Structure formats: C-alpha cells, structure tokens
Amino acid sequence: MLFDIFTHLNAIIMLTDITLAVYGKENGAIKLEKVNGPNGAFISFTKADDSKFTVPCGKKSQVGRLSEYRLFKTDDDNMIATVNNYEVEEELVIE
C-alpha cells in the first residue's frame, strides 16, 4: 500500500507542469472553456470539427483562472484539473 501511495504521488508530481493549453493542443483542441454546473466545474475542450471532450476540476479547485490550472493523472488514467501545486518535500530511499 505504501508503494501505491508513492506511485500515486509520483504520478501527480510528474504531471503538474502540464497546462490546460498544452494538454488541449496535444489532443487536438482549438479552444477551451471553464464551465460551472450543478455537479461542479469542468474544463471543456473544443476541436476544429466542433467535437468536445472534458476534464473535471478537482473538488478543492472549483475556483481558479484557466491559466492557473495544471493537470494530473489518476491511477485509472483520468485527468483532473487542479490549481494546487504538488512538489516533493522530502524523499527517503528504502533499500
């Protein structure tokens, strides 16, 4: 279980530098919008053919400017937009 926690944190740390614009461009989007609804906020990406895909905003990241959001990937390969910054504070190598 401890290994799973470190793996999860490592995944978050590795992906926090991905901006919404970079992620959108890499996935064919030409426009993005932040949308607020009854179930919370999400980022809507629009492609040139008008098709859309979305990324939810984290529970504690409902308020933020588009330029402030970064993305991280969950264990099940879903993306979540967050305005929180994650960084390694300390590391201990177990041998």
PDB file of N, CA and C in Angstrom:
ATOM      1  N   MET A   1       0.827  -1.195   0.000  1.00  0.00           N
ATOM      2  CA  MET A   1       0.000   0.000   0.000  1.00  0.00           C
ATOM      3  C   MET A   1       0.868   1.255   0.000  1.00  0.00           C
ATOM      4  N   LEU A   2       1.938   1.256   0.777  1.00  0.00           N
ATOM      5  CA  LEU A   2       2.829   2.405   0.799  1.00  0.00           C
ATOM      6  C   LEU A   2       3.406   2.664  -0.582  1.00  0.00           C
ATOM      7  N   PHE A   3       3.753   1.587  -1.289  1.00  0.00           N
ATOM      8  CA  PHE A   3       4.266   1.727  -2.652  1.00  0.00           C
ATOM      9  C   PHE A   3       3.226   2.398  -3.542  1.00  0.00           C
ATOM     10  N   ASP A   4       1.949   2.017  -3.400  1.00  0.00           N
ATOM     11  CA  ASP A   4       0.876   2.615  -4.195  1.00  0.00           C
ATOM     12  C   ASP A   4       0.753   4.111  -3.924  1.00  0.00           C
ATOM     13  N   ILE A   5       0.919   4.509  -2.675  1.00  0.00           N
ATOM     14  CA  ILE A   5       0.851   5.932  -2.323  1.00  0.00           C
ATOM     15  C   ILE A   5       1.984   6.689  -3.009  1.00  0.00           C
ATOM     16  N   PHE A   6       3.208   6.147  -2.925  1.00  0.00           N
ATOM     17  CA  PHE A   6       4.338   6.812  -3.571  1.00  0.00           C
ATOM     18  C   PHE A   6       4.167   6.857  -5.080  1.00  0.00           C
ATOM     19  N   THR A   7       3.665   5.774  -5.657  1.00  0.00           N
ATOM     20  CA  THR A   7       3.431   5.739  -7.097  1.00  0.00           C
ATOM     21  C   THR A   7       2.419   6.802  -7.485  1.00  0.00           C
ATOM     22  N   HIS A   8       1.341   6.908  -6.706  1.00  0.00           N
ATOM     23  CA  HIS A   8       0.301   7.903  -6.984  1.00  0.00           C
ATOM     24  C   HIS A   8       0.861   9.320  -6.852  1.00  0.00           C
ATOM     25  N   LEU A   9       1.597   9.586  -5.795  1.00  0.00           N
ATOM     26  CA  LEU A   9       2.181  10.914  -5.612  1.00  0.00           C
ATOM     27  C   LEU A   9       3.175  11.230  -6.719  1.00  0.00           C
ATOM     28  N   ASN A  10       3.951  10.255  -7.130  1.00  0.00           N
ATOM     29  CA  ASN A  10       4.912  10.450  -8.202  1.00  0.00           C
ATOM     30  C   ASN A  10       4.191  10.807  -9.503  1.00  0.00           C
ATOM     31  N   ALA A  11       3.069  10.159  -9.776  1.00  0.00           N
ATOM     32  CA  ALA A  11       2.303  10.469 -10.975  1.00  0.00           C
ATOM     33  C   ALA A  11       1.791  11.904 -10.934  1.00  0.00           C
ATOM     34  N   ILE A  12       1.327  12.343  -9.759  1.00  0.00           N
ATOM     35  CA  ILE A  12       0.854  13.710  -9.614  1.00  0.00           C
ATOM     36  C   ILE A  12       2.003  14.686  -9.851  1.00  0.00           C
ATOM     37  N   ILE A  13       3.120  14.430  -9.242  1.00  0.00           N
ATOM     38  CA  ILE A  13       4.269  15.323  -9.352  1.00  0.00           C
ATOM     39  C   ILE A  13       4.752  15.433 -10.787  1.00  0.00           C
ATOM     40  N   MET A  14       4.789  14.321 -11.498  1.00  0.00           N
ATOM     41  CA  MET A  14       5.288  14.330 -12.868  1.00  0.00           C
ATOM     42  C   MET A  14       4.378  15.111 -13.808  1.00  0.00           C
ATOM     43  N   LEU A  15       3.101  15.190 -13.497  1.00  0.00           N
ATOM     44  CA  LEU A  15       2.174  15.780 -14.444  1.00  0.00           C
ATOM     45  C   LEU A  15       1.680  17.168 -14.073  1.00  0.00           C
ATOM     46  N   THR A  16       2.102  17.732 -12.969  1.00  0.00           N
ATOM     47  CA  THR A  16       1.568  19.025 -12.569  1.00  0.00           C
ATOM     48  C   THR A  16       2.046  20.169 -13.447  1.00  0.00           C
ATOM     49  N   ASP A  17       3.058  19.972 -14.273  1.00  0.00           N
ATOM     50  CA  ASP A  17       3.511  21.046 -15.148  1.00  0.00           C
ATOM     51  C   ASP A  17       2.763  21.096 -16.478  1.00  0.00           C
ATOM     52  N   ILE A  18       1.841  20.189 -16.690  1.00  0.00           N
ATOM     53  CA  ILE A  18       1.067  20.204 -17.930  1.00  0.00           C
ATOM     54  C   ILE A  18      -0.061  21.219 -17.788  1.00  0.00           C
ATOM     55  N   THR A  19      -0.035  22.236 -18.621  1.00  0.00           N
ATOM     56  CA  THR A  19      -1.088  23.246 -18.581  1.00  0.00           C
ATOM     57  C   THR A  19      -2.282  22.781 -19.405  1.00  0.00           C
ATOM     58  N   LEU A  20      -3.402  23.441 -19.207  1.00  0.00           N
ATOM     59  CA  LEU A  20      -4.586  23.119 -19.995  1.00  0.00           C
ATOM     60  C   LEU A  20      -4.344  23.352 -21.477  1.00  0.00           C
ATOM     61  N   ALA A  21      -3.636  24.438 -21.809  1.00  0.00           N
ATOM     62  CA  ALA A  21      -3.370  24.757 -23.217  1.00  0.00           C
ATOM     63  C   ALA A  21      -2.521  23.675 -23.882  1.00  0.00           C
ATOM     64  N   VAL A  22      -1.476  23.230 -23.178  1.00  0.00           N
ATOM     65  CA  VAL A  22      -0.611  22.183 -23.739  1.00  0.00           C
ATOM     66  C   VAL A  22      -1.394  20.883 -23.914  1.00  0.00           C
ATOM     67  N   TYR A  23      -2.145  20.490 -22.903  1.00  0.00           N
ATOM     68  CA  TYR A  23      -2.934  19.262 -22.974  1.00  0.00           C
ATOM     69  C   TYR A  23      -3.954  19.353 -24.109  1.00  0.00           C
ATOM     70  N   GLY A  24      -4.632  20.494 -24.199  1.00  0.00           N
ATOM     71  CA  GLY A  24      -5.617  20.669 -25.259  1.00  0.00           C
ATOM     72  C   GLY A  24      -4.993  20.567 -26.637  1.00  0.00           C
ATOM     73  N   LYS A  25      -3.892  21.254 -26.833  1.00  0.00           N
ATOM     74  CA  LYS A  25      -3.213  21.233 -28.134  1.00  0.00           C
ATOM     75  C   LYS A  25      -2.751  19.825 -28.498  1.00  0.00           C
ATOM     76  N   GLU A  26      -2.186  19.110 -27.512  1.00  0.00           N
ATOM     77  CA  GLU A  26      -1.727  17.733 -27.752  1.00  0.00           C
ATOM     78  C   GLU A  26      -2.874  16.795 -28.117  1.00  0.00           C
ATOM     79  N   ASN A  27      -4.095  17.172 -27.737  1.00  0.00           N
ATOM     80  CA  ASN A  27      -5.265  16.337 -28.021  1.00  0.00           C
ATOM     81  C   ASN A  27      -6.185  16.935 -29.082  1.00  0.00           C
ATOM     82  N   GLY A  28      -5.673  17.901 -29.848  1.00  0.00           N
ATOM     83  CA  GLY A  28      -6.407  18.438 -30.992  1.00  0.00           C
ATOM     84  C   GLY A  28      -7.392  19.547 -30.708  1.00  0.00           C
ATOM     85  N   ALA A  29      -7.372  20.122 -29.525  1.00  0.00           N
ATOM     86  CA  ALA A  29      -8.326  21.191 -29.193  1.00  0.00           C
ATOM     87  C   ALA A  29      -7.857  22.529 -29.745  1.00  0.00           C
ATOM     88  N   ILE A  30      -8.822  23.351 -30.120  1.00  0.00           N
ATOM     89  CA  ILE A  30      -8.527  24.706 -30.583  1.00  0.00           C
ATOM     90  C   ILE A  30      -9.072  25.762 -29.617  1.00  0.00           C
ATOM     91  N   LYS A  31      -9.895  25.316 -28.650  1.00  0.00           N
ATOM     92  CA  LYS A  31     -10.494  26.248 -27.691  1.00  0.00           C
ATOM     93  C   LYS A  31     -10.794  25.501 -26.406  1.00  0.00           C
ATOM     94  N   LEU A  32     -10.699  26.212 -25.278  1.00  0.00           N
ATOM     95  CA  LEU A  32     -11.116  25.616 -24.013  1.00  0.00           C
ATOM     96  C   LEU A  32     -11.910  26.629 -23.216  1.00  0.00           C
ATOM     97  N   GLU A  33     -12.822  26.098 -22.417  1.00  0.00           N
ATOM     98  CA  GLU A  33     -13.686  26.922 -21.584  1.00  0.00           C
ATOM     99  C   GLU A  33     -13.834  26.267 -20.219  1.00  0.00           C
ATOM    100  N   LYS A  34     -13.964  27.081 -19.197  1.00  0.00           N
ATOM    101  CA  LYS A  34     -14.290  26.565 -17.870  1.00  0.00           C
ATOM    102  C   LYS A  34     -15.796  26.679 -17.708  1.00  0.00           C
ATOM    103  N   VAL A  35     -16.428  25.575 -17.332  1.00  0.00           N
ATOM    104  CA  VAL A  35     -17.882  25.519 -17.208  1.00  0.00           C
ATOM    105  C   VAL A  35     -18.230  25.144 -15.776  1.00  0.00           C
ATOM    106  N   ASN A  36     -19.169  25.877 -15.180  1.00  0.00           N
ATOM    107  CA  ASN A  36     -19.663  25.554 -13.837  1.00  0.00           C
ATOM    108  C   ASN A  36     -21.063  24.994 -13.958  1.00  0.00           C
ATOM    109  N   GLY A  37     -21.308  23.879 -13.296  1.00  0.00           N
ATOM    110  CA  GLY A  37     -22.618  23.247 -13.334  1.00  0.00           C
ATOM    111  C   GLY A  37     -23.010  22.766 -11.957  1.00  0.00           C
ATOM    112  N   PRO A  38     -24.161  22.114 -11.859  1.00  0.00           N
ATOM    113  CA  PRO A  38     -24.654  21.657 -10.555  1.00  0.00           C
ATOM    114  C   PRO A  38     -23.756  20.601  -9.902  1.00  0.00           C
ATOM    115  N   ASN A  39     -22.961  19.904 -10.689  1.00  0.00           N
ATOM    116  CA  ASN A  39     -22.071  18.872 -10.143  1.00  0.00           C
ATOM    117  C   ASN A  39     -20.633  19.350 -10.040  1.00  0.00           C
ATOM    118  N   GLY A  40     -20.403  20.647 -10.184  1.00  0.00           N
ATOM    119  CA  GLY A  40     -19.060  21.197 -10.077  1.00  0.00           C
ATOM    120  C   GLY A  40     -18.546  21.741 -11.391  1.00  0.00           C
ATOM    121  N   ALA A  41     -17.323  22.224 -11.343  1.00  0.00           N
ATOM    122  CA  ALA A  41     -16.711  22.840 -12.525  1.00  0.00           C
ATOM    123  C   ALA A  41     -15.961  21.800 -13.348  1.00  0.00           C
ATOM    124  N   PHE A  42     -15.857  22.070 -14.648  1.00  0.00           N
ATOM    125  CA  PHE A  42     -15.055  21.238 -15.524  1.00  0.00           C
ATOM    126  C   PHE A  42     -14.512  22.096 -16.663  1.00  0.00           C
ATOM    127  N   ILE A  43     -13.481  21.580 -17.313  1.00  0.00           N
ATOM    128  CA  ILE A  43     -12.889  22.255 -18.456  1.00  0.00           C
ATOM    129  C   ILE A  43     -13.399  21.568 -19.710  1.00  0.00           C
ATOM    130  N   SER A  44     -13.952  22.346 -20.632  1.00  0.00           N
ATOM    131  CA  SER A  44     -14.461  21.822 -21.892  1.00  0.00           C
ATOM    132  C   SER A  44     -13.497  22.209 -23.011  1.00  0.00           C
ATOM    133  N   PHE A  45     -13.014  21.221 -23.740  1.00  0.00           N
ATOM    134  CA  PHE A  45     -12.108  21.429 -24.863  1.00  0.00           C
ATOM    135  C   PHE A  45     -12.890  21.218 -26.158  1.00  0.00           C
ATOM    136  N   THR A  46     -12.719  22.122 -27.128  1.00  0.00           N
ATOM    137  CA  THR A  46     -13.398  22.011 -28.415  1.00  0.00           C
ATOM    138  C   THR A  46     -12.370  21.801 -29.512  1.00  0.00           C
ATOM    139  N   LYS A  47     -12.633  20.808 -30.369  1.00  0.00           N
ATOM    140  CA  LYS A  47     -11.755  20.526 -31.508  1.00  0.00           C
ATOM    141  C   LYS A  47     -12.251  21.276 -32.742  1.00  0.00           C
ATOM    142  N   ALA A  48     -11.459  21.293 -33.802  1.00  0.00           N
ATOM    143  CA  ALA A  48     -11.800  22.016 -35.031  1.00  0.00           C
ATOM    144  C   ALA A  48     -13.102  21.513 -35.648  1.00  0.00           C
ATOM    145  N   ASP A  49     -13.424  20.232 -35.459  1.00  0.00           N
ATOM    146  CA  ASP A  49     -14.667  19.685 -36.019  1.00  0.00           C
ATOM    147  C   ASP A  49     -15.859  19.884 -35.078  1.00  0.00           C
ATOM    148  N   ASP A  50     -15.698  20.727 -34.072  1.00  0.00           N
ATOM    149  CA  ASP A  50     -16.711  21.054 -33.062  1.00  0.00           C
ATOM    150  C   ASP A  50     -16.995  19.920 -32.072  1.00  0.00           C
ATOM    151  N   SER A  51     -16.257  18.824 -32.127  1.00  0.00           N
ATOM    152  CA  SER A  51     -16.419  17.794 -31.102  1.00  0.00           C
ATOM    153  C   SER A  51     -15.758  18.295 -29.816  1.00  0.00           C
ATOM    154  N   LYS A  52     -16.192  17.755 -28.698  1.00  0.00           N
ATOM    155  CA  LYS A  52     -15.704  18.235 -27.406  1.00  0.00           C
ATOM    156  C   LYS A  52     -15.253  17.071 -26.532  1.00  0.00           C
ATOM    157  N   PHE A  53     -14.363  17.382 -25.609  1.00  0.00           N
ATOM    158  CA  PHE A  53     -14.017  16.469 -24.533  1.00  0.00           C
ATOM    159  C   PHE A  53     -13.816  17.312 -23.287  1.00  0.00           C
ATOM    160  N   THR A  54     -13.965  16.696 -22.131  1.00  0.00           N
ATOM    161  CA  THR A  54     -13.936  17.452 -20.882  1.00  0.00           C
ATOM    162  C   THR A  54     -12.977  16.839 -19.871  1.00  0.00           C
ATOM    163  N   VAL A  55     -12.563  17.679 -18.928  1.00  0.00           N
ATOM    164  CA  VAL A  55     -11.742  17.277 -17.795  1.00  0.00           C
ATOM    165  C   VAL A  55     -12.363  17.924 -16.560  1.00  0.00           C
ATOM    166  N   PRO A  56     -12.683  17.146 -15.522  1.00  0.00           N
ATOM    167  CA  PRO A  56     -13.262  17.749 -14.316  1.00  0.00           C
ATOM    168  C   PRO A  56     -12.223  18.546 -13.535  1.00  0.00           C
ATOM    169  N   CYS A  57     -12.703  19.531 -12.809  1.00  0.00           N
ATOM    170  CA  CYS A  57     -11.846  20.279 -11.888  1.00  0.00           C
ATOM    171  C   CYS A  57     -11.903  19.580 -10.531  1.00  0.00           C
ATOM    172  N   GLY A  58     -10.786  19.515  -9.854  1.00  0.00           N
ATOM    173  CA  GLY A  58     -10.732  18.886  -8.545  1.00  0.00           C
ATOM    174  C   GLY A  58     -11.694  19.530  -7.563  1.00  0.00           C
ATOM    175  N   LYS A  59     -12.094  18.775  -6.570  1.00  0.00           N
ATOM    176  CA  LYS A  59     -13.066  19.237  -5.579  1.00  0.00           C
ATOM    177  C   LYS A  59     -12.642  20.539  -4.910  1.00  0.00           C
ATOM    178  N   LYS A  60     -11.343  20.675  -4.607  1.00  0.00           N
ATOM    179  CA  LYS A  60     -10.849  21.881  -3.953  1.00  0.00           C
ATOM    180  C   LYS A  60     -10.298  22.890  -4.961  1.00  0.00           C
ATOM    181  N   SER A  61     -10.563  22.669  -6.246  1.00  0.00           N
ATOM    182  CA  SER A  61     -10.066  23.561  -7.308  1.00  0.00           C
ATOM    183  C   SER A  61     -11.204  24.074  -8.178  1.00  0.00           C
ATOM    184  N   GLN A  62     -12.349  24.314  -7.562  1.00  0.00           N
ATOM    185  CA  GLN A  62     -13.513  24.774  -8.320  1.00  0.00           C
ATOM    186  C   GLN A  62     -13.366  26.222  -8.773  1.00  0.00           C
ATOM    187  N   VAL A  63     -12.559  26.994  -8.055  1.00  0.00           N
ATOM    188  CA  VAL A  63     -12.358  28.401  -8.390  1.00  0.00           C
ATOM    189  C   VAL A  63     -10.916  28.583  -8.834  1.00  0.00           C
ATOM    190  N   GLY A  64     -10.742  29.160  -9.988  1.00  0.00           N
ATOM    191  CA  GLY A  64      -9.398  29.404 -10.500  1.00  0.00           C
ATOM    192  C   GLY A  64      -9.477  29.905 -11.926  1.00  0.00           C
ATOM    193  N   ARG A  65      -8.437  30.568 -12.349  1.00  0.00           N
ATOM    194  CA  ARG A  65      -8.357  31.060 -13.726  1.00  0.00           C
ATOM    195  C   ARG A  65      -7.783  29.956 -14.600  1.00  0.00           C
ATOM    196  N   LEU A  66      -8.169  29.929 -15.856  1.00  0.00           N
ATOM    197  CA  LEU A  66      -7.695  28.885 -16.760  1.00  0.00           C
ATOM    198  C   LEU A  66      -6.174  28.784 -16.791  1.00  0.00           C
ATOM    199  N   SER A  67      -5.504  29.915 -16.698  1.00  0.00           N
ATOM    200  CA  SER A  67      -4.037  29.912 -16.753  1.00  0.00           C
ATOM    201  C   SER A  67      -3.400  29.331 -15.484  1.00  0.00           C
ATOM    202  N   GLU A  68      -4.165  29.197 -14.405  1.00  0.00           N
ATOM    203  CA  GLU A  68      -3.641  28.681 -13.137  1.00  0.00           C
ATOM    204  C   GLU A  68      -3.723  27.153 -13.036  1.00  0.00           C
ATOM    205  N   TYR A  69      -4.560  26.538 -13.840  1.00  0.00           N
ATOM    206  CA  TYR A  69      -4.777  25.101 -13.722  1.00  0.00           C
ATOM    207  C   TYR A  69      -3.620  24.291 -14.287  1.00  0.00           C
ATOM    208  N   ARG A  70      -3.351  23.179 -13.633  1.00  0.00           N
ATOM    209  CA  ARG A  70      -2.415  22.164 -14.100  1.00  0.00           C
ATOM    210  C   ARG A  70      -3.174  20.845 -14.081  1.00  0.00           C
ATOM    211  N   LEU A  71      -2.658  19.849 -14.743  1.00  0.00           N
ATOM    212  CA  LEU A  71      -3.343  18.561 -14.813  1.00  0.00           C
ATOM    213  C   LEU A  71      -2.550  17.469 -14.127  1.00  0.00           C
ATOM    214  N   PHE A  72      -3.251  16.552 -13.528  1.00  0.00           N
ATOM    215  CA  PHE A  72      -2.603  15.327 -13.062  1.00  0.00           C
ATOM    216  C   PHE A  72      -3.468  14.141 -13.448  1.00  0.00           C
ATOM    217  N   LYS A  73      -2.832  12.999 -13.561  1.00  0.00           N
ATOM    218  CA  LYS A  73      -3.497  11.777 -13.998  1.00  0.00           C
ATOM    219  C   LYS A  73      -3.753  10.881 -12.789  1.00  0.00           C
ATOM    220  N   THR A  74      -4.964  10.352 -12.710  1.00  0.00           N
ATOM    221  CA  THR A  74      -5.306   9.444 -11.627  1.00  0.00           C
ATOM    222  C   THR A  74      -4.805   8.041 -11.956  1.00  0.00           C
ATOM    223  N   ASP A  75      -4.906   7.153 -10.982  1.00  0.00           N
ATOM    224  CA  ASP A  75      -4.466   5.770 -11.178  1.00  0.00           C
ATOM    225  C   ASP A  75      -5.200   5.079 -12.317  1.00  0.00           C
ATOM    226  N   ASP A  76      -6.438   5.490 -12.582  1.00  0.00           N
ATOM    227  CA  ASP A  76      -7.204   4.865 -13.670  1.00  0.00           C
ATOM    228  C   ASP A  76      -7.139   5.689 -14.959  1.00  0.00           C
ATOM    229  N   ASP A  77      -6.070   6.466 -15.116  1.00  0.00           N
ATOM    230  CA  ASP A  77      -5.761   7.228 -16.338  1.00  0.00           C
ATOM    231  C   ASP A  77      -6.731   8.350 -16.674  1.00  0.00           C
ATOM    232  N   ASN A  78      -7.475   8.835 -15.705  1.00  0.00           N
ATOM    233  CA  ASN A  78      -8.314  10.009 -15.916  1.00  0.00           C
ATOM    234  C   ASN A  78      -7.515  11.258 -15.573  1.00  0.00           C
ATOM    235  N   MET A  79      -7.804  12.354 -16.256  1.00  0.00           N
ATOM    236  CA  MET A  79      -7.147  13.622 -15.979  1.00  0.00           C
ATOM    237  C   MET A  79      -8.044  14.468 -15.086  1.00  0.00           C
ATOM    238  N   ILE A  80      -7.433  15.218 -14.167  1.00  0.00           N
ATOM    239  CA  ILE A  80      -8.157  16.147 -13.294  1.00  0.00           C
ATOM    240  C   ILE A  80      -7.411  17.469 -13.307  1.00  0.00           C
ATOM    241  N   ALA A  81      -8.168  18.555 -13.463  1.00  0.00           N
ATOM    242  CA  ALA A  81      -7.584  19.899 -13.442  1.00  0.00           C
ATOM    243  C   ALA A  81      -7.516  20.378 -11.997  1.00  0.00           C
ATOM    244  N   THR A  82      -6.379  20.943 -11.620  1.00  0.00           N
ATOM    245  CA  THR A  82      -6.203  21.427 -10.252  1.00  0.00           C
ATOM    246  C   THR A  82      -5.437  22.744 -10.255  1.00  0.00           C
ATOM    247  N   VAL A  83      -5.732  23.587  -9.282  1.00  0.00           N
ATOM    248  CA  VAL A  83      -4.950  24.808  -9.098  1.00  0.00           C
ATOM    249  C   VAL A  83      -3.946  24.622  -7.981  1.00  0.00           C
ATOM    250  N   ASN A  84      -3.947  23.440  -7.368  1.00  0.00           N
ATOM    251  CA  ASN A  84      -2.984  23.123  -6.320  1.00  0.00           C
ATOM    252  C   ASN A  84      -1.663  22.708  -6.944  1.00  0.00           C
ATOM    253  N   ASN A  85      -0.578  23.075  -6.309  1.00  0.00           N
ATOM    254  CA  ASN A  85       0.743  22.673  -6.779  1.00  0.00           C
ATOM    255  C   ASN A  85       1.281  21.592  -5.859  1.00  0.00           C
ATOM    256  N   TYR A  86       1.762  20.525  -6.452  1.00  0.00           N
ATOM    257  CA  TYR A  86       2.345  19.430  -5.696  1.00  0.00           C
ATOM    258  C   TYR A  86       3.836  19.413  -5.954  1.00  0.00           C
ATOM    259  N   GLU A  87       4.608  19.243  -4.905  1.00  0.00           N
ATOM    260  CA  GLU A  87       6.048  19.135  -5.061  1.00  0.00           C
ATOM    261  C   GLU A  87       6.582  18.200  -3.987  1.00  0.00           C
ATOM    262  N   VAL A  88       7.675  17.544  -4.313  1.00  0.00           N
ATOM    263  CA  VAL A  88       8.299  16.650  -3.353  1.00  0.00           C
ATOM    264  C   VAL A  88       8.933  17.484  -2.250  1.00  0.00           C
ATOM    265  N   GLU A  89       8.547  17.237  -1.034  1.00  0.00           N
ATOM    266  CA  GLU A  89       9.110  17.955   0.097  1.00  0.00           C
ATOM    267  C   GLU A  89      10.321  17.218   0.669  1.00  0.00           C
ATOM    268  N   GLU A  90      10.235  15.898   0.656  1.00  0.00           N
ATOM    269  CA  GLU A  90      11.307  15.098   1.221  1.00  0.00           C
ATOM    270  C   GLU A  90      11.246  13.715   0.591  1.00  0.00           C
ATOM    271  N   GLU A  91      12.373  13.048   0.486  1.00  0.00           N
ATOM    272  CA  GLU A  91      12.427  11.727  -0.109  1.00  0.00           C
ATOM    273  C   GLU A  91      13.283  10.816   0.748  1.00  0.00           C
ATOM    274  N   LEU A  92      12.872   9.573   0.864  1.00  0.00           N
ATOM    275  CA  LEU A  92      13.625   8.562   1.594  1.00  0.00           C
ATOM    276  C   LEU A  92      13.675   7.315   0.728  1.00  0.00           C
ATOM    277  N   VAL A  93      14.848   6.888   0.334  1.00  0.00           N
ATOM    278  CA  VAL A  93      15.007   5.686  -0.466  1.00  0.00           C
ATOM    279  C   VAL A  93      15.116   4.499   0.481  1.00  0.00           C
ATOM    280  N   ILE A  94      14.266   3.513   0.275  1.00  0.00           N
ATOM    281  CA  ILE A  94      14.246   2.329   1.127  1.00  0.00           C
ATOM    282  C   ILE A  94      14.918   1.198   0.361  1.00  0.00           C
ATOM    283  N   GLU A  95      15.960   0.645   0.946  1.00  0.00           N
ATOM    284  CA  GLU A  95      16.691  -0.424   0.259  1.00  0.00           C
ATOM    285  C   GLU A  95      16.526  -1.736   0.956  1.00  0.00           C
TER     286      GLU A  95
END
